[in-house]
Structure formats: C-alpha cells, structure tokens
Amino acid sequence: MAEKSGSPAATAPEQQQQQSQFLSDFIAEIVKNPLNLALVGVIAILVYKIVKSRTRPEETIQEVKKLPKLRRDFTIEELTKYDGKGPDGRILVAVNGSVYDVTRGARFYGPGGPYEAFGGRDASRALARFEVVAATDKYDDLSDLNTTEMNSIKEWEEQFKERYDYVGKLLKPGEAPTNYSDEEDEGSQRETETKSESYDAEKKADCNEAAEKSKSD
C-alpha cells in the first residue's frame, strides 16, 4: 500500500523534469541549426503582423472634395497658389508644359503627402531625375535635359493624362493665355496642336515621296 500511495507523488516531478529537458533540447536544436533559427524568426514576424493587423483601428477614408472642372492656362506664379492649402484644396501640377488637376490624389500631392513638393509646381525636372524636390518658382524650359530625361518626362506625362484632368498650358514668360470657350472639346489644346503638326508633317513627307518618285521615273 505504501508503494502504491507514493507512486503518483514521485511521477509528477519526473514529468516536469522530462518536459523541461524536452524544451531545453528543442531550443538547443534550433540554436544549433541556423536554418531553423531563421524559420522561427520568419514565423515570429508573420505572427506579429497578423496580430497587429487585427488590432489596428480601421483607417478613416478621407472624402475627396468634388470641385468644378477648371479650364485655363497658368503662369508659373499663378500655379503656386494651387498647392492644396487654399480654401478649396485644389492641387495642380505641371508636367512638360501641361497643367493637371491632381486634387483626387491629395494623399500623394497634398500637404503631408509623399509628393507634396510637386503641388502647385512644375514637377518636370524632378520627375525626369526621379527626385522629390521643390521645383523652382521660375519658368523652366528644360533645355539642358538629355534625351533619357526627356523621355522619362513624357512617360510621366502619359500617366498624368490617364489619371487626372487636363487643365491647360503652363505659359512661358510673356506668352498669352488661350481663350477657352465653353463649347471646346475636353481634349487639350496642346494635343490638338500636336495632331495638326503631325498631319502637316505626314502631308509634307507624302509630297516629298511623290516628288522623288516622279524624278526617278
């Protein structure tokens, strides 16, 4: 009877000792193998991210104010007033001589955004060089940029055309603004001029080709 009554009391410490020994061996095995240690680290990071995402409060979605469409040309001085800090919060950015309304992208170009420096500015040079810097307050003709940098600006301009509303031209010093009418097409005046120049160039090329063919005959 004495042997039976003492048996359970004797096994409890043994079980605790075995569990402690198992845990020690398990930790030692992980520490010995760098791969196991790395896997444990990855698992710990994933668990942390999951827990953090569940406990993080829901972010409030900032409603973007809908503003009437703007249609006019700007001097570089006039452009600086539209940096998102005005009464209506409108944000304009110039790229390659064209001005775009980027108000719907206020979280990027507005106060506190990662591209705040572009708001109310000509961002062409900064975009050409992949820099986020405040542009100059003077008109920049971009004449010193190389071909690669100009191609980069044109690629950025295409993205702005797709995402934001075209407003007008960035005027050169002394250049008169365009008189936009209410009936004017939504397409930019700049695009219309480009298409016209392209058509004239193609027509001229066709005439030259016909003349060359006539000479050869």
Protein backbone atom coordinates (compact mmCIF):
# COMPACT_ATOMS: atom_id res chain seq x y z
CA MET A 1 0.00 0.00 0.00
CA ALA A 2 2.85 2.34 0.88
CA GLU A 3 4.42 1.67 -2.53
CA LYS A 4 1.18 2.47 -4.41
CA SER A 5 0.42 5.64 -2.46
CA GLY A 6 3.93 7.03 -3.11
CA SER A 7 3.98 6.29 -6.86
CA PRO A 8 1.84 9.22 -8.15
CA ALA A 9 3.72 11.73 -5.99
CA ALA A 10 7.01 10.51 -7.42
CA THR A 11 5.97 10.73 -11.08
CA ALA A 12 4.86 14.39 -11.02
CA PRO A 13 8.37 15.84 -10.54
CA GLU A 14 9.68 13.38 -13.09
CA GLN A 15 7.16 14.58 -15.67
CA GLN A 16 8.08 18.21 -15.05
CA GLN A 17 11.75 17.36 -15.38
CA GLN A 18 11.11 15.50 -18.64
CA GLN A 19 9.15 18.48 -20.05
CA SER A 20 11.91 20.89 -19.07
CA GLN A 21 14.52 18.60 -20.62
CA PHE A 22 12.50 18.33 -23.84
CA LEU A 23 12.12 22.12 -24.07
CA SER A 24 15.84 22.62 -23.46
CA ASP A 25 16.74 20.06 -26.14
CA PHE A 26 14.28 21.68 -28.57
CA ILE A 27 15.75 25.17 -28.05
CA ALA A 28 19.28 23.81 -28.31
CA GLU A 29 18.43 22.12 -31.60
CA ILE A 30 17.03 25.37 -33.02
CA VAL A 31 20.06 27.41 -31.93
CA LYS A 32 22.48 24.87 -33.40
CA ASN A 33 20.88 24.99 -36.87
CA PRO A 34 20.88 28.50 -38.48
CA LEU A 35 18.13 27.44 -40.89
CA ASN A 36 15.80 26.51 -38.06
CA LEU A 37 16.61 29.79 -36.32
CA ALA A 38 15.75 31.73 -39.49
CA LEU A 39 12.46 29.87 -39.88
CA VAL A 40 11.50 30.64 -36.31
CA GLY A 41 12.28 34.31 -36.95
CA VAL A 42 10.09 34.38 -40.07
CA ILE A 43 7.22 32.70 -38.25
CA ALA A 44 7.51 35.20 -35.39
CA ILE A 45 7.37 38.14 -37.83
CA LEU A 46 4.30 36.70 -39.60
CA VAL A 47 2.50 36.13 -36.32
CA TYR A 48 3.33 39.69 -35.25
CA LYS A 49 1.95 41.14 -38.50
CA ILE A 50 -1.24 39.09 -38.24
CA VAL A 51 -1.85 40.18 -34.65
CA LYS A 52 -1.03 43.80 -35.49
CA SER A 53 -3.38 43.87 -38.48
CA ARG A 54 -6.25 42.55 -36.37
CA THR A 55 -5.70 45.02 -33.53
CA ARG A 56 -5.06 48.08 -35.76
CA PRO A 57 -8.00 50.51 -35.78
CA GLU A 58 -9.73 51.00 -39.09
CA GLU A 59 -8.41 53.97 -41.02
CA THR A 60 -10.99 56.58 -41.87
CA ILE A 61 -11.28 57.16 -45.60
CA GLN A 62 -10.83 60.82 -46.36
CA GLU A 63 -13.53 62.03 -48.70
CA VAL A 64 -12.16 63.93 -51.68
CA LYS A 65 -13.99 67.16 -52.31
CA LYS A 66 -15.51 67.32 -55.79
CA LEU A 67 -14.57 70.59 -57.44
CA PRO A 68 -15.85 72.09 -60.68
CA LYS A 69 -13.56 71.45 -63.64
CA LEU A 70 -11.00 74.15 -64.26
CA ARG A 71 -10.09 75.14 -67.80
CA ARG A 72 -7.42 77.79 -68.22
CA ASP A 73 -3.70 78.37 -68.70
CA PHE A 74 -1.33 79.26 -65.88
CA THR A 75 1.88 81.17 -65.40
CA ILE A 76 4.37 79.59 -63.01
CA GLU A 77 3.49 82.27 -60.43
CA GLU A 78 -0.25 81.57 -60.66
CA LEU A 79 0.35 77.85 -60.36
CA THR A 80 1.96 78.16 -56.91
CA LYS A 81 -1.40 79.16 -55.38
CA TYR A 82 -2.82 75.68 -56.05
CA ASP A 83 -0.79 73.56 -53.64
CA GLY A 84 -3.74 72.14 -51.70
CA LYS A 85 -3.53 74.75 -48.95
CA GLY A 86 -6.08 77.11 -50.49
CA PRO A 87 -9.74 77.44 -49.43
CA ASP A 88 -10.95 74.85 -51.94
CA GLY A 89 -7.99 72.49 -51.50
CA ARG A 90 -7.36 72.27 -55.24
CA ILE A 91 -3.97 70.88 -56.29
CA LEU A 92 -2.40 71.48 -59.69
CA VAL A 93 0.83 70.01 -61.04
CA ALA A 94 2.59 70.92 -64.30
CA VAL A 95 4.35 68.27 -66.38
CA ASN A 96 6.09 69.01 -69.68
CA GLY A 97 4.23 72.26 -70.25
CA SER A 98 0.77 70.92 -69.33
CA VAL A 99 -1.14 71.55 -66.11
CA TYR A 100 -3.17 68.77 -64.47
CA ASP A 101 -5.68 68.82 -61.62
CA VAL A 102 -4.44 66.18 -59.16
CA THR A 103 -6.85 67.06 -56.35
CA ARG A 104 -8.21 63.50 -56.27
CA GLY A 105 -4.66 62.40 -55.46
CA ALA A 106 -4.44 64.74 -52.46
CA ARG A 107 -3.00 61.99 -50.26
CA PHE A 108 0.03 61.98 -52.56
CA TYR A 109 0.37 65.60 -53.69
CA GLY A 110 -1.38 67.46 -50.88
CA PRO A 111 0.03 68.75 -47.59
CA GLY A 112 1.74 65.93 -45.74
CA GLY A 113 1.81 63.66 -48.80
CA PRO A 114 4.98 61.99 -50.12
CA TYR A 115 4.93 64.23 -53.24
CA GLU A 116 3.82 67.42 -51.50
CA ALA A 117 6.74 69.26 -53.15
CA PHE A 118 5.03 68.87 -56.55
CA GLY A 119 1.78 70.60 -55.52
CA GLY A 120 1.43 73.95 -57.29
CA ARG A 121 4.72 73.42 -59.09
CA ASP A 122 6.27 72.34 -62.37
CA ALA A 123 7.40 68.82 -61.49
CA SER A 124 9.01 68.09 -64.87
CA ARG A 125 12.67 68.31 -63.87
CA ALA A 126 12.14 66.39 -60.62
CA LEU A 127 10.29 63.61 -62.45
CA ALA A 128 12.98 63.45 -65.14
CA ARG A 129 15.60 62.77 -62.49
CA PHE A 130 13.42 60.69 -60.14
CA GLU A 131 13.81 63.23 -57.35
CA VAL A 132 11.23 64.55 -54.91
CA VAL A 133 12.38 68.13 -54.53
CA ALA A 134 10.68 71.50 -54.59
CA ALA A 135 10.78 72.97 -58.07
CA THR A 136 11.95 76.48 -58.86
CA ASP A 137 9.49 79.37 -58.84
CA LYS A 138 10.80 80.45 -62.25
CA TYR A 139 9.82 79.03 -65.62
CA ASP A 140 11.98 76.04 -66.54
CA ASP A 141 12.40 75.43 -70.27
CA LEU A 142 14.11 72.04 -69.63
CA SER A 143 16.54 72.78 -72.47
CA ASP A 144 19.51 71.28 -70.64
CA LEU A 145 17.94 67.86 -70.09
CA ASN A 146 19.23 64.91 -72.11
CA THR A 147 17.17 62.54 -74.26
CA THR A 148 16.75 59.94 -71.49
CA GLU A 149 15.46 62.54 -69.07
CA MET A 150 13.04 63.99 -71.62
CA ASN A 151 11.72 60.51 -72.41
CA SER A 152 11.16 59.98 -68.70
CA ILE A 153 9.12 63.20 -68.52
CA LYS A 154 6.97 62.09 -71.46
CA GLU A 155 6.29 58.74 -69.78
CA TRP A 156 5.22 60.53 -66.61
CA GLU A 157 3.04 62.89 -68.66
CA GLU A 158 1.19 59.92 -70.16
CA GLN A 159 0.41 58.66 -66.65
CA PHE A 160 -0.90 62.07 -65.61
CA LYS A 161 -3.10 62.18 -68.73
CA GLU A 162 -4.64 58.83 -67.83
CA ARG A 163 -5.27 59.57 -64.17
CA TYR A 164 -6.04 63.28 -63.90
CA ASP A 165 -7.93 66.05 -65.68
CA TYR A 166 -6.04 68.29 -68.05
CA VAL A 167 -6.47 71.95 -67.10
CA GLY A 168 -4.40 73.98 -69.55
CA LYS A 169 -0.92 75.02 -70.58
CA LEU A 170 1.95 76.22 -68.43
CA LEU A 171 2.65 79.58 -70.03
CA LYS A 172 6.10 80.75 -70.99
CA PRO A 173 7.11 84.25 -69.83
CA GLY A 174 5.21 86.75 -71.96
CA GLU A 175 3.00 84.11 -73.60
CA ALA A 176 -0.68 84.99 -73.88
CA PRO A 177 -3.21 82.56 -72.36
CA THR A 178 -5.59 80.61 -74.57
CA ASN A 179 -9.19 81.82 -74.68
CA TYR A 180 -11.03 78.58 -73.97
CA SER A 181 -14.73 78.56 -74.87
CA ASP A 182 -17.42 76.59 -73.05
CA GLU A 183 -18.08 74.55 -76.19
CA GLU A 184 -14.46 73.48 -76.58
CA ASP A 185 -13.73 69.79 -76.66
CA GLU A 186 -12.49 68.14 -73.47
CA GLY A 187 -9.25 67.25 -75.24
CA SER A 188 -6.35 69.57 -74.59
CA GLN A 189 -5.36 72.39 -76.90
CA ARG A 190 -1.86 71.01 -76.73
CA GLU A 191 -2.96 67.65 -78.15
CA THR A 192 -4.89 69.37 -80.95
CA GLU A 193 -1.82 71.36 -81.97
CA THR A 194 0.33 68.23 -81.86
CA LYS A 195 -2.08 66.32 -84.08
CA SER A 196 -2.15 69.24 -86.53
CA GLU A 197 1.64 69.40 -86.67
CA SER A 198 1.82 65.63 -87.14
CA TYR A 199 -0.69 65.81 -90.01
CA ASP A 200 1.27 68.60 -91.71
CA ALA A 201 4.50 66.62 -91.34
CA GLU A 202 2.91 63.49 -92.85
CA LYS A 203 1.46 65.53 -95.72
CA LYS A 204 4.83 67.09 -96.42
CA ALA A 205 6.51 63.67 -96.34
CA ASP A 206 3.96 62.31 -98.83
CA CYS A 207 4.64 65.25 -101.18
CA ASN A 208 8.38 64.71 -100.97
CA GLU A 209 7.95 61.00 -101.62
CA ALA A 210 5.80 61.74 -104.67
CA ALA A 211 8.36 64.23 -105.97
CA GLU A 212 11.21 61.75 -105.56
CA LYS A 213 9.22 59.08 -107.36
CA SER A 214 8.47 61.48 -110.20
CA LYS A 215 12.18 62.24 -110.62
CA SER A 216 13.13 58.57 -110.65
CA ASP A 217 10.53 57.88 -113.35
